[in-house]
Amino acid sequence: MEKRLMEWKRFNLIGAVCVFSAMFVMLMEIFLTSLPDGARIQLTSQQLLEMYNRNWFMGMRYMGLINIIASTLMIPVYYSLYGVHRDSNKVFAGFALVIAIISYAVFLSDNVSFPILELSKKYSAASESEKLLLVTATESLFAKGASHTPGTFPGFLLGQLGSILFNIVIIKGKQFKKIIGIIGTIAFSFLLIFEILSSFITSHYQQAMIFAMMGGISAITWYVLIGLEFLKLHKKEYSFSTGNSLEHKKSEQSEAE
């Protein structure tokens, strides 16, 4: 029992590293927006293939590569959150974890950044007639996997819902400060509103960006607070294990006397 508890608490360090890494990745996404090909403008399939040929990384980033990296880093974070709350609210925390994992699987299955990378390699060496076929193939993938469109909405929807559920668990629990759960709920609710508006009401995209900005700032704050809480838990674990070691040594010395 004690060993299992120690393993869970040590995993909090992994959670802290991953949540800070995810925060760095999202900040990098903001920086990339200022670079050539970084602006979030509507592209045709041909323009997308040309972007891939100019800079494959920026092309994949346009199709959600940064979101893939950030989502992958968040899996250990959600698992750590489940571990922290497994005793106080195992059912609800477990359900939130399941939703988060399903959202990750759906998001990866919808993402087409890698298939388009392969098409772009063929496009650069293709004849004019072949390019037309490749543009048509890209168009079908583009419709399925472009970020902030109906094609990728299910993955984003489940992802935001899973995050909101975890923050409700935090609010109801006593392991973390309730303000952390409140900030997280607000952050991911704003991001969910942004996804709905940007996916289905494209004429109001600029207005939707207001929710994205508020949600993004709140989410970064949440990442920092969650990471610090994980580090505190890991430090407690280290102190606990050190204390146990000292007690064990004292016990051995007493027996020897």
Protein backbone atom coordinates (compact mmCIF):
# COMPACT_ATOMS: atom_id res chain seq x y z
CA MET A 1 0.00 0.00 0.00
CA GLU A 2 2.75 2.43 0.99
CA LYS A 3 4.78 1.54 -2.09
CA ARG A 4 1.79 2.17 -4.34
CA LEU A 5 1.22 5.54 -2.69
CA MET A 6 4.88 6.46 -3.22
CA GLU A 7 4.65 5.52 -6.90
CA TRP A 8 1.57 7.69 -7.40
CA LYS A 9 3.21 10.64 -5.71
CA ARG A 10 6.42 10.27 -7.70
CA PHE A 11 4.36 10.34 -10.87
CA ASN A 12 3.36 13.88 -9.89
CA LEU A 13 6.83 15.01 -10.94
CA ILE A 14 6.14 13.63 -14.43
CA GLY A 15 2.82 15.47 -14.39
CA ALA A 16 4.55 18.72 -13.44
CA VAL A 17 7.18 18.38 -16.18
CA CYS A 18 4.51 17.59 -18.78
CA VAL A 19 2.18 20.44 -17.83
CA PHE A 20 5.03 22.98 -17.94
CA SER A 21 6.14 21.51 -21.28
CA ALA A 22 2.58 21.79 -22.64
CA MET A 23 2.50 25.42 -21.52
CA PHE A 24 5.79 26.07 -23.33
CA VAL A 25 4.43 24.45 -26.50
CA MET A 26 1.32 26.64 -26.43
CA LEU A 27 3.44 29.76 -25.89
CA MET A 28 5.58 28.68 -28.83
CA GLU A 29 2.40 28.49 -30.93
CA ILE A 30 1.75 32.16 -30.16
CA PHE A 31 5.31 33.02 -31.23
CA LEU A 32 5.01 31.03 -34.47
CA THR A 33 1.99 33.11 -35.45
CA SER A 34 4.32 36.09 -36.02
CA LEU A 35 6.60 34.15 -38.42
CA PRO A 36 6.20 33.84 -42.21
CA ASP A 37 3.34 31.40 -42.97
CA GLY A 38 2.33 31.68 -39.32
CA ALA A 39 -0.84 33.74 -39.74
CA ARG A 40 -4.12 31.85 -39.34
CA ILE A 41 -5.61 32.70 -42.73
CA GLN A 42 -7.87 30.57 -44.91
CA LEU A 43 -5.86 28.56 -47.44
CA THR A 44 -6.84 26.57 -50.49
CA SER A 45 -5.59 23.01 -50.86
CA GLN A 46 -3.02 24.13 -53.42
CA GLN A 47 -1.78 26.92 -51.15
CA LEU A 48 -1.49 24.41 -48.31
CA LEU A 49 0.63 22.05 -50.41
CA GLU A 50 2.84 24.96 -51.44
CA MET A 51 3.24 25.93 -47.78
CA TYR A 52 4.31 22.36 -46.98
CA ASN A 53 6.91 22.57 -49.73
CA ARG A 54 8.23 25.92 -48.47
CA ASN A 55 8.34 24.84 -44.83
CA TRP A 56 7.00 21.43 -43.87
CA PHE A 57 6.97 22.32 -40.16
CA MET A 58 4.80 25.41 -40.62
CA GLY A 59 2.53 23.44 -42.91
CA MET A 60 2.05 20.71 -40.31
CA ARG A 61 1.65 23.35 -37.63
CA TYR A 62 -1.16 24.89 -39.72
CA MET A 63 -2.85 21.47 -39.69
CA GLY A 64 -2.59 21.03 -35.93
CA LEU A 65 0.88 19.64 -35.17
CA ILE A 66 1.25 21.88 -32.10
CA ASN A 67 -2.10 20.65 -30.78
CA ILE A 68 -0.93 17.04 -31.21
CA ILE A 69 2.22 17.73 -29.18
CA ALA A 70 0.34 19.61 -26.45
CA SER A 71 -2.41 16.97 -26.26
CA THR A 72 0.18 14.19 -25.96
CA LEU A 73 1.91 16.02 -23.11
CA MET A 74 -1.41 16.46 -21.31
CA ILE A 75 -2.13 12.71 -21.04
CA PRO A 76 0.29 12.23 -18.07
CA VAL A 77 -1.13 15.42 -16.54
CA TYR A 78 -4.67 14.06 -16.59
CA TYR A 79 -3.45 10.73 -15.27
CA SER A 80 -1.72 12.55 -12.41
CA LEU A 81 -4.91 14.49 -11.67
CA TYR A 82 -6.78 11.19 -11.53
CA GLY A 83 -4.15 9.81 -9.14
CA VAL A 84 -4.45 12.82 -6.83
CA HIS A 85 -8.26 12.58 -6.65
CA ARG A 86 -8.71 8.80 -6.92
CA ASP A 87 -9.54 8.41 -3.21
CA SER A 88 -11.85 11.41 -2.76
CA ASN A 89 -13.75 11.20 -6.07
CA LYS A 90 -12.66 8.09 -7.94
CA VAL A 91 -15.78 7.71 -10.11
CA PHE A 92 -15.95 11.28 -11.36
CA ALA A 93 -12.16 11.59 -11.76
CA GLY A 94 -12.06 8.27 -13.60
CA PHE A 95 -14.85 9.38 -15.92
CA ALA A 96 -12.99 12.63 -16.68
CA LEU A 97 -9.84 10.60 -17.45
CA VAL A 98 -11.77 8.34 -19.85
CA ILE A 99 -13.23 11.37 -21.66
CA ALA A 100 -9.75 12.93 -21.93
CA ILE A 101 -8.24 9.75 -23.41
CA ILE A 102 -11.13 9.30 -25.86
CA SER A 103 -10.77 12.93 -26.96
CA TYR A 104 -7.06 12.35 -27.61
CA ALA A 105 -7.79 9.28 -29.73
CA VAL A 106 -10.51 11.08 -31.70
CA PHE A 107 -8.30 14.12 -32.25
CA LEU A 108 -5.41 12.00 -33.54
CA SER A 109 -7.69 10.04 -35.87
CA ASP A 110 -9.07 13.29 -37.31
CA ASN A 111 -5.70 14.97 -37.77
CA VAL A 112 -4.30 14.72 -41.31
CA SER A 113 -1.06 16.69 -41.02
CA PHE A 114 1.09 13.62 -41.72
CA PRO A 115 -0.90 12.32 -44.75
CA ILE A 116 -0.74 15.79 -46.31
CA LEU A 117 3.01 15.84 -45.70
CA GLU A 118 3.30 12.73 -47.87
CA LEU A 119 1.12 14.28 -50.59
CA SER A 120 3.22 17.45 -50.53
CA LYS A 121 6.38 15.44 -51.27
CA LYS A 122 4.70 13.99 -54.36
CA TYR A 123 3.30 17.39 -55.33
CA SER A 124 6.72 19.03 -55.63
CA ALA A 125 7.84 16.49 -58.28
CA ALA A 126 4.49 15.93 -60.02
CA SER A 127 3.38 16.97 -63.50
CA GLU A 128 0.54 19.47 -63.93
CA SER A 129 -2.06 16.73 -64.36
CA GLU A 130 -0.74 14.83 -61.36
CA LYS A 131 -0.75 18.02 -59.29
CA LEU A 132 -4.46 18.43 -60.01
CA LEU A 133 -5.12 14.94 -58.63
CA LEU A 134 -3.00 15.63 -55.56
CA VAL A 135 -4.82 18.91 -54.92
CA THR A 136 -8.13 17.04 -55.11
CA ALA A 137 -6.88 14.41 -52.65
CA THR A 138 -5.65 17.15 -50.31
CA GLU A 139 -9.03 18.87 -50.53
CA SER A 140 -10.79 15.82 -49.09
CA LEU A 141 -8.24 15.55 -46.27
CA PHE A 142 -8.37 19.30 -45.69
CA ALA A 143 -12.13 19.15 -45.16
CA LYS A 144 -11.70 16.36 -42.61
CA GLY A 145 -8.73 17.60 -40.63
CA ALA A 146 -8.41 21.39 -40.76
CA SER A 147 -8.25 22.88 -37.26
CA HIS A 148 -11.27 24.80 -35.95
CA THR A 149 -13.63 23.29 -38.51
CA PRO A 150 -16.54 20.83 -38.13
CA GLY A 151 -14.18 18.01 -39.15
CA THR A 152 -12.02 18.34 -36.03
CA PHE A 153 -14.72 19.66 -33.70
CA PRO A 154 -15.56 16.28 -32.01
CA GLY A 155 -11.99 15.87 -30.73
CA PHE A 156 -11.81 19.44 -29.47
CA LEU A 157 -15.27 19.16 -27.89
CA LEU A 158 -14.39 16.03 -25.92
CA GLY A 159 -11.02 17.50 -24.95
CA GLN A 160 -12.53 20.66 -23.48
CA LEU A 161 -15.29 18.69 -21.74
CA GLY A 162 -12.71 16.36 -20.17
CA SER A 163 -10.73 19.36 -18.90
CA ILE A 164 -13.87 21.00 -17.49
CA LEU A 165 -14.82 17.76 -15.72
CA PHE A 166 -11.38 17.51 -14.12
CA ASN A 167 -11.69 21.06 -12.86
CA ILE A 168 -15.08 20.28 -11.35
CA VAL A 169 -13.35 17.40 -9.54
CA ILE A 170 -10.72 19.86 -8.30
CA ILE A 171 -13.42 22.26 -7.04
CA LYS A 172 -15.23 19.47 -5.19
CA GLY A 173 -12.05 17.97 -3.77
CA LYS A 174 -9.68 19.19 -1.06
CA GLN A 175 -6.36 18.25 -2.63
CA PHE A 176 -5.93 21.49 -4.60
CA LYS A 177 -7.16 25.02 -3.97
CA LYS A 178 -10.67 25.54 -5.33
CA ILE A 179 -9.57 28.68 -7.18
CA ILE A 180 -7.47 26.46 -9.46
CA GLY A 181 -10.56 24.51 -10.48
CA ILE A 182 -12.52 27.72 -11.01
CA ILE A 183 -9.80 29.22 -13.24
CA GLY A 184 -9.59 25.97 -15.20
CA THR A 185 -13.36 25.74 -15.67
CA ILE A 186 -13.47 29.32 -16.96
CA ALA A 187 -10.46 28.77 -19.23
CA PHE A 188 -11.69 25.62 -20.94
CA SER A 189 -15.27 26.94 -21.15
CA PHE A 190 -13.98 29.98 -23.06
CA LEU A 191 -11.93 27.70 -25.33
CA LEU A 192 -14.99 25.52 -25.95
CA ILE A 193 -17.04 28.59 -26.92
CA PHE A 194 -14.22 29.58 -29.30
CA GLU A 195 -14.27 26.13 -30.92
CA ILE A 196 -18.05 26.29 -31.43
CA LEU A 197 -17.92 29.77 -32.97
CA SER A 198 -14.84 29.15 -35.13
CA SER A 199 -16.15 25.80 -36.39
CA PHE A 200 -19.76 26.67 -37.16
CA ILE A 201 -20.07 30.48 -37.25
CA THR A 202 -17.05 31.42 -39.32
CA SER A 203 -18.42 34.89 -40.11
CA HIS A 204 -17.80 35.78 -36.45
CA TYR A 205 -14.25 34.45 -36.29
CA GLN A 206 -12.78 37.75 -35.08
CA GLN A 207 -15.29 37.87 -32.23
CA ALA A 208 -14.49 34.24 -31.45
CA MET A 209 -10.83 35.19 -31.03
CA ILE A 210 -11.81 37.22 -27.96
CA PHE A 211 -12.86 33.98 -26.25
CA ALA A 212 -9.67 32.29 -27.50
CA MET A 213 -7.51 35.03 -25.96
CA MET A 214 -9.33 34.99 -22.62
CA GLY A 215 -9.33 31.21 -22.55
CA GLY A 216 -5.66 31.02 -23.53
CA ILE A 217 -4.51 33.41 -20.81
CA SER A 218 -6.61 31.61 -18.21
CA ALA A 219 -5.34 28.22 -19.41
CA ILE A 220 -1.69 29.27 -19.13
CA THR A 221 -2.39 30.45 -15.57
CA TRP A 222 -4.01 27.08 -14.87
CA TYR A 223 -0.99 25.19 -16.28
CA VAL A 224 1.33 27.08 -13.93
CA LEU A 225 -0.86 26.52 -10.86
CA ILE A 226 -1.36 22.81 -11.59
CA GLY A 227 2.37 22.33 -12.19
CA LEU A 228 3.23 24.01 -8.90
CA GLU A 229 0.70 21.83 -7.04
CA PHE A 230 2.24 18.69 -8.53
CA LEU A 231 5.70 19.84 -7.44
CA LYS A 232 4.40 20.43 -3.90
CA LEU A 233 2.98 16.91 -3.80
CA HIS A 234 6.25 15.47 -5.09
CA LYS A 235 8.18 17.40 -2.43
CA LYS A 236 5.88 16.02 0.27
CA GLU A 237 6.54 12.54 -1.06
CA TYR A 238 10.30 13.13 -0.90
CA SER A 239 10.09 14.40 2.67
CA PHE A 240 7.86 11.49 3.61
CA SER A 241 10.21 8.91 2.14
CA THR A 242 13.24 10.59 3.74
CA GLY A 243 11.49 10.61 7.10
CA ASN A 244 10.66 6.95 6.78
CA SER A 245 14.28 6.18 5.95
CA LEU A 246 15.50 8.01 9.05
CA GLU A 247 12.98 6.21 11.23
CA HIS A 248 14.04 2.90 9.72
CA LYS A 249 17.73 3.64 10.48
CA LYS A 250 16.90 4.62 14.07
CA SER A 251 14.95 1.40 14.48
CA GLU A 252 17.89 -0.64 13.21
CA GLN A 253 20.29 1.16 15.55
CA SER A 254 17.96 0.51 18.53
CA GLU A 255 17.77 -3.17 17.69
CA ALA A 256 21.56 -3.36 17.39
CA GLU A 257 21.99 -1.81 20.87
